[in-house]
Amino acid sequence: MQIWDTAGQERFRTITSAYYRGADGIILVFDISEKKSFYSLDNWLKEVDSLTTDNPVKLVLANKSDSNDKQVSKSEMEEFTQRTGLEIIDCSAKNSYHINYVFEYISSLLLKRL
């Protein structure tokens, strides 16, 4: 498994298309304490869909689930899930909540496709 992390940084924008080509799985991460990050998901999904051809497995992570300053509500995440068909998994990179689970889960989904 190869994992590429561009952290959504604009300086990597020109090379992200190369990362998408041939990708079997894509994990999109937003910051639950930053609403702008959540609103960017639709643009990231459009980009992923326009640059991939093999319909990769897609997961969405709500990072900083341990934060006391959540700006994205459960109802907003549920609406996103219903609209896109993608599940959102709560996680925290700070305390490692669900981090191992995410990689095990996407691996199992990818193995089922083989």
C-alpha atoms as a PDB file:
ATOM      1  CA  MET A   1       0.000   0.000   0.000  1.00  0.00           C
ATOM      2  CA  GLN A   2       1.287   3.432  -0.929  1.00  0.00           C
ATOM      3  CA  ILE A   3      -0.068   6.417   0.943  1.00  0.00           C
ATOM      4  CA  TRP A   4       0.259   9.927  -0.443  1.00  0.00           C
ATOM      5  CA  ASP A   5      -0.662  12.894   1.731  1.00  0.00           C
ATOM      6  CA  THR A   6      -0.869  16.322   0.127  1.00  0.00           C
ATOM      7  CA  ALA A   7      -2.683  17.834   3.124  1.00  0.00           C
ATOM      8  CA  GLY A   8      -4.835  19.780   0.662  1.00  0.00           C
ATOM      9  CA  GLN A   9      -2.035  22.256   0.118  1.00  0.00           C
ATOM     10  CA  GLU A  10      -2.281  24.394  -2.992  1.00  0.00           C
ATOM     11  CA  ARG A  11       1.402  23.948  -3.779  1.00  0.00           C
ATOM     12  CA  PHE A  12       0.719  20.255  -4.504  1.00  0.00           C
ATOM     13  CA  ARG A  13      -2.341  20.981  -6.645  1.00  0.00           C
ATOM     14  CA  THR A  14      -0.466  20.585  -9.922  1.00  0.00           C
ATOM     15  CA  ILE A  15       0.737  17.077  -9.111  1.00  0.00           C
ATOM     16  CA  THR A  16      -2.319  15.640  -7.341  1.00  0.00           C
ATOM     17  CA  SER A  17      -3.782  14.447 -10.634  1.00  0.00           C
ATOM     18  CA  ALA A  18      -0.814  12.081 -10.936  1.00  0.00           C
ATOM     19  CA  TYR A  19      -1.642  10.676  -7.491  1.00  0.00           C
ATOM     20  CA  TYR A  20      -5.266  10.060  -8.429  1.00  0.00           C
ATOM     21  CA  ARG A  21      -4.468   8.153 -11.611  1.00  0.00           C
ATOM     22  CA  GLY A  22      -4.523   4.474 -10.793  1.00  0.00           C
ATOM     23  CA  ALA A  23      -5.512   5.013  -7.163  1.00  0.00           C
ATOM     24  CA  ASP A  24      -7.567   2.168  -5.747  1.00  0.00           C
ATOM     25  CA  GLY A  25      -8.586   4.089  -2.639  1.00  0.00           C
ATOM     26  CA  ILE A  26      -8.863   7.712  -1.621  1.00  0.00           C
ATOM     27  CA  ILE A  27      -9.302   9.119   1.879  1.00  0.00           C
ATOM     28  CA  LEU A  28     -10.564  12.678   2.153  1.00  0.00           C
ATOM     29  CA  VAL A  29     -10.110  14.346   5.528  1.00  0.00           C
ATOM     30  CA  PHE A  30     -11.793  17.441   6.877  1.00  0.00           C
ATOM     31  CA  ASP A  31     -11.292  19.291  10.143  1.00  0.00           C
ATOM     32  CA  ILE A  32     -14.468  19.085  12.212  1.00  0.00           C
ATOM     33  CA  SER A  33     -13.472  22.324  13.961  1.00  0.00           C
ATOM     34  CA  GLU A  34     -13.194  24.207  10.646  1.00  0.00           C
ATOM     35  CA  LYS A  35     -16.394  24.495   8.601  1.00  0.00           C
ATOM     36  CA  LYS A  36     -14.490  25.726   5.525  1.00  0.00           C
ATOM     37  CA  SER A  37     -12.651  22.410   5.488  1.00  0.00           C
ATOM     38  CA  PHE A  38     -15.966  20.535   5.425  1.00  0.00           C
ATOM     39  CA  TYR A  39     -17.337  22.710   2.624  1.00  0.00           C
ATOM     40  CA  SER A  40     -14.237  21.928   0.535  1.00  0.00           C
ATOM     41  CA  LEU A  41     -15.189  18.239   0.383  1.00  0.00           C
ATOM     42  CA  ASP A  42     -17.517  18.739  -2.581  1.00  0.00           C
ATOM     43  CA  ASN A  43     -14.714  20.321  -4.623  1.00  0.00           C
ATOM     44  CA  TRP A  44     -12.294  17.540  -3.664  1.00  0.00           C
ATOM     45  CA  LEU A  45     -14.859  14.919  -4.659  1.00  0.00           C
ATOM     46  CA  LYS A  46     -15.433  16.600  -8.030  1.00  0.00           C
ATOM     47  CA  GLU A  47     -11.702  16.623  -8.620  1.00  0.00           C
ATOM     48  CA  VAL A  48     -11.344  12.983  -7.604  1.00  0.00           C
ATOM     49  CA  ASP A  49     -14.242  11.956  -9.832  1.00  0.00           C
ATOM     50  CA  SER A  50     -12.889  13.896 -12.804  1.00  0.00           C
ATOM     51  CA  LEU A  51      -9.360  12.506 -12.485  1.00  0.00           C
ATOM     52  CA  THR A  52     -10.062   8.853 -11.720  1.00  0.00           C
ATOM     53  CA  THR A  53     -11.446   6.230 -14.042  1.00  0.00           C
ATOM     54  CA  ASP A  54     -11.659   3.076 -11.951  1.00  0.00           C
ATOM     55  CA  ASN A  55     -14.105   4.325  -9.291  1.00  0.00           C
ATOM     56  CA  PRO A  56     -11.765   4.078  -6.292  1.00  0.00           C
ATOM     57  CA  VAL A  57     -12.973   3.280  -2.789  1.00  0.00           C
ATOM     58  CA  LYS A  58     -13.577   6.624  -1.074  1.00  0.00           C
ATOM     59  CA  LEU A  59     -13.674   7.322   2.637  1.00  0.00           C
ATOM     60  CA  VAL A  60     -14.260  10.621   4.388  1.00  0.00           C
ATOM     61  CA  LEU A  61     -12.737  11.294   7.777  1.00  0.00           C
ATOM     62  CA  ALA A  62     -13.921  13.869  10.294  1.00  0.00           C
ATOM     63  CA  ASN A  63     -10.642  14.676  12.017  1.00  0.00           C
ATOM     64  CA  LYS A  64     -10.341  16.296  15.440  1.00  0.00           C
ATOM     65  CA  SER A  65     -13.358  14.429  16.785  1.00  0.00           C
ATOM     66  CA  ASP A  66     -11.857  15.069  20.223  1.00  0.00           C
ATOM     67  CA  SER A  67     -12.194  18.840  19.751  1.00  0.00           C
ATOM     68  CA  ASN A  68     -14.435  20.872  22.018  1.00  0.00           C
ATOM     69  CA  ASP A  69     -14.908  23.387  19.204  1.00  0.00           C
ATOM     70  CA  LYS A  70     -16.860  21.384  16.637  1.00  0.00           C
ATOM     71  CA  GLN A  71     -18.162  23.610  13.870  1.00  0.00           C
ATOM     72  CA  VAL A  72     -19.652  20.870  11.704  1.00  0.00           C
ATOM     73  CA  SER A  73     -22.864  19.384  13.067  1.00  0.00           C
ATOM     74  CA  LYS A  74     -23.962  15.764  12.951  1.00  0.00           C
ATOM     75  CA  SER A  75     -26.921  16.799  10.781  1.00  0.00           C
ATOM     76  CA  GLU A  76     -24.581  18.437   8.228  1.00  0.00           C
ATOM     77  CA  MET A  77     -22.503  15.279   8.095  1.00  0.00           C
ATOM     78  CA  GLU A  78     -25.628  13.103   7.756  1.00  0.00           C
ATOM     79  CA  GLU A  79     -26.868  15.276   4.869  1.00  0.00           C
ATOM     80  CA  PHE A  80     -23.476  14.919   3.170  1.00  0.00           C
ATOM     81  CA  THR A  81     -23.593  11.144   3.651  1.00  0.00           C
ATOM     82  CA  GLN A  82     -27.093  10.899   2.194  1.00  0.00           C
ATOM     83  CA  ARG A  83     -26.229  13.145  -0.751  1.00  0.00           C
ATOM     84  CA  THR A  84     -22.940  11.473  -1.676  1.00  0.00           C
ATOM     85  CA  GLY A  85     -23.407   7.907  -0.447  1.00  0.00           C
ATOM     86  CA  LEU A  86     -20.072   8.167   1.367  1.00  0.00           C
ATOM     87  CA  GLU A  87     -19.753   7.415   5.033  1.00  0.00           C
ATOM     88  CA  ILE A  88     -17.944   9.737   7.393  1.00  0.00           C
ATOM     89  CA  ILE A  89     -15.724   8.214  10.054  1.00  0.00           C
ATOM     90  CA  ASP A  90     -14.871  10.217  13.169  1.00  0.00           C
ATOM     91  CA  CYS A  91     -11.184  10.173  14.018  1.00  0.00           C
ATOM     92  CA  SER A  92      -8.498  12.077  15.843  1.00  0.00           C
ATOM     93  CA  ALA A  93      -4.903  12.215  14.692  1.00  0.00           C
ATOM     94  CA  LYS A  94      -4.025  13.795  18.040  1.00  0.00           C
ATOM     95  CA  ASN A  95      -5.037  10.818  20.170  1.00  0.00           C
ATOM     96  CA  SER A  96      -5.027   8.179  17.384  1.00  0.00           C
ATOM     97  CA  TYR A  97      -8.762   7.541  17.684  1.00  0.00           C
ATOM     98  CA  HIS A  98      -9.873   5.326  14.774  1.00  0.00           C
ATOM     99  CA  ILE A  99      -6.612   5.845  12.854  1.00  0.00           C
ATOM    100  CA  ASN A 100      -5.659   2.162  12.711  1.00  0.00           C
ATOM    101  CA  TYR A 101      -9.304   1.271  12.060  1.00  0.00           C
ATOM    102  CA  VAL A 102      -9.423   3.528   8.980  1.00  0.00           C
ATOM    103  CA  PHE A 103      -6.440   1.852   7.341  1.00  0.00           C
ATOM    104  CA  GLU A 104      -7.681  -1.614   8.237  1.00  0.00           C
ATOM    105  CA  TYR A 105     -11.150  -0.743   6.948  1.00  0.00           C
ATOM    106  CA  ILE A 106     -10.031   0.683   3.597  1.00  0.00           C
ATOM    107  CA  SER A 107      -7.677  -2.283   3.178  1.00  0.00           C
ATOM    108  CA  SER A 108     -10.540  -4.702   3.730  1.00  0.00           C
ATOM    109  CA  LEU A 109     -12.732  -2.832   1.225  1.00  0.00           C
ATOM    110  CA  LEU A 110      -9.949  -2.931  -1.347  1.00  0.00           C
ATOM    111  CA  LEU A 111      -9.322  -6.629  -0.779  1.00  0.00           C
ATOM    112  CA  LYS A 112     -13.028  -7.358  -1.314  1.00  0.00           C
ATOM    113  CA  ARG A 113     -12.731  -5.791  -4.760  1.00  0.00           C
ATOM    114  CA  LEU A 114      -9.960  -8.172  -5.802  1.00  0.00           C
END
